[in-house]
Amino acid sequence: MDIHSWRLRTLLSAVEARLDASAEDDGERQRNRAKLYAPPPGHVKKQAAGRVRGQGMDLESVRAMMSQMSAQDAQIGRAVSG
């Protein structure tokens, strides 16, 4: 069996299975899984372009957007059926 030809998901599954088999309890299994899938040290998550971190929509903005979308859906529904 040549593990060099395996896909990443297959490799991770194999490593996870070995770690699970060697773990003594469920807590150790969870810690092992967290270490396996954790980002590498020093990794910085990239932000989406144009979005300032920590500034989401407030509830009123969400309600206004949903209202606009509902109105557009109604217009499209009338156009398609009528």
Protein backbone atom coordinates (compact mmCIF):
# COMPACT_ATOMS: atom_id res chain seq x y z
CA MET A 1 0.00 0.00 0.00
CA ASP A 2 1.50 3.30 -1.12
CA ILE A 3 0.29 6.11 1.16
CA HIS A 4 1.93 8.70 -1.11
CA SER A 5 -0.89 8.24 -3.60
CA TRP A 6 -3.64 8.83 -0.98
CA ARG A 7 -5.72 11.98 -0.96
CA LEU A 8 -5.52 14.31 2.02
CA ARG A 9 -8.91 13.27 3.40
CA THR A 10 -7.88 9.60 3.28
CA LEU A 11 -4.63 10.38 5.07
CA LEU A 12 -6.41 12.38 7.76
CA SER A 13 -8.95 9.59 8.23
CA ALA A 14 -6.19 7.01 8.62
CA VAL A 15 -4.32 9.16 11.14
CA GLU A 16 -7.54 9.85 13.03
CA ALA A 17 -8.33 6.12 13.18
CA ARG A 18 -4.85 5.36 14.56
CA LEU A 19 -5.15 8.12 17.14
CA ASP A 20 -8.61 6.91 18.16
CA ALA A 21 -7.32 3.37 18.56
CA SER A 22 -4.45 4.51 20.78
CA ALA A 23 -6.57 6.86 22.93
CA GLU A 24 -7.49 5.67 26.40
CA ASP A 25 -10.77 7.58 26.73
CA ASP A 26 -13.18 9.88 24.86
CA GLY A 27 -11.50 13.01 26.26
CA GLU A 28 -8.17 11.98 24.80
CA ARG A 29 -9.85 11.22 21.46
CA GLN A 30 -11.32 14.72 21.38
CA ARG A 31 -7.98 16.33 22.26
CA ASN A 32 -6.20 14.30 19.58
CA ARG A 33 -8.81 15.26 16.99
CA ALA A 34 -8.52 18.95 17.96
CA LYS A 35 -4.73 18.82 17.53
CA LEU A 36 -5.01 16.99 14.20
CA TYR A 37 -7.40 19.51 12.63
CA ALA A 38 -6.01 22.67 14.27
CA PRO A 39 -4.43 25.27 11.98
CA PRO A 40 -0.63 25.31 11.99
CA PRO A 41 1.15 27.56 14.51
CA GLY A 42 1.37 31.15 13.32
CA HIS A 43 -1.54 30.74 10.89
CA VAL A 44 -3.58 33.91 10.46
CA LYS A 45 -7.09 33.56 9.08
CA LYS A 46 -7.66 35.78 6.06
CA GLN A 47 -10.61 38.14 6.10
CA ALA A 48 -13.03 38.56 3.25
CA ALA A 49 -12.08 41.50 1.05
CA GLY A 50 -13.92 44.72 1.82
CA ARG A 51 -15.31 43.62 5.18
CA VAL A 52 -14.15 45.21 8.39
CA ARG A 53 -13.78 42.66 11.14
CA GLY A 54 -16.37 42.81 13.86
CA GLN A 55 -18.89 44.91 11.98
CA GLY A 56 -21.87 42.79 11.06
CA MET A 57 -25.43 43.84 10.35
CA ASP A 58 -27.62 44.93 13.22
CA LEU A 59 -31.06 43.41 13.69
CA GLU A 60 -32.92 46.30 12.05
CA SER A 61 -30.70 46.11 8.96
CA VAL A 62 -31.34 42.39 8.69
CA ARG A 63 -35.09 42.93 8.99
CA ALA A 64 -35.00 45.64 6.31
CA MET A 65 -33.01 43.38 3.98
CA MET A 66 -35.41 40.48 4.54
CA SER A 67 -38.36 42.76 3.82
CA GLN A 68 -36.79 43.89 0.54
CA MET A 69 -36.05 40.30 -0.44
CA SER A 70 -39.62 39.28 0.34
CA ALA A 71 -40.97 42.09 -1.82
CA GLN A 72 -38.66 41.09 -4.68
CA ASP A 73 -39.74 37.45 -4.36
CA ALA A 74 -43.38 38.53 -4.58
CA GLN A 75 -42.65 40.58 -7.72
CA ILE A 76 -40.84 37.68 -9.34
CA GLY A 77 -43.67 35.32 -8.41
CA ARG A 78 -46.24 37.61 -10.01
CA ALA A 79 -44.10 38.01 -13.14
CA VAL A 80 -43.65 34.26 -13.56
CA SER A 81 -47.27 33.26 -12.85
CA GLY A 82 -49.00 36.17 -14.51
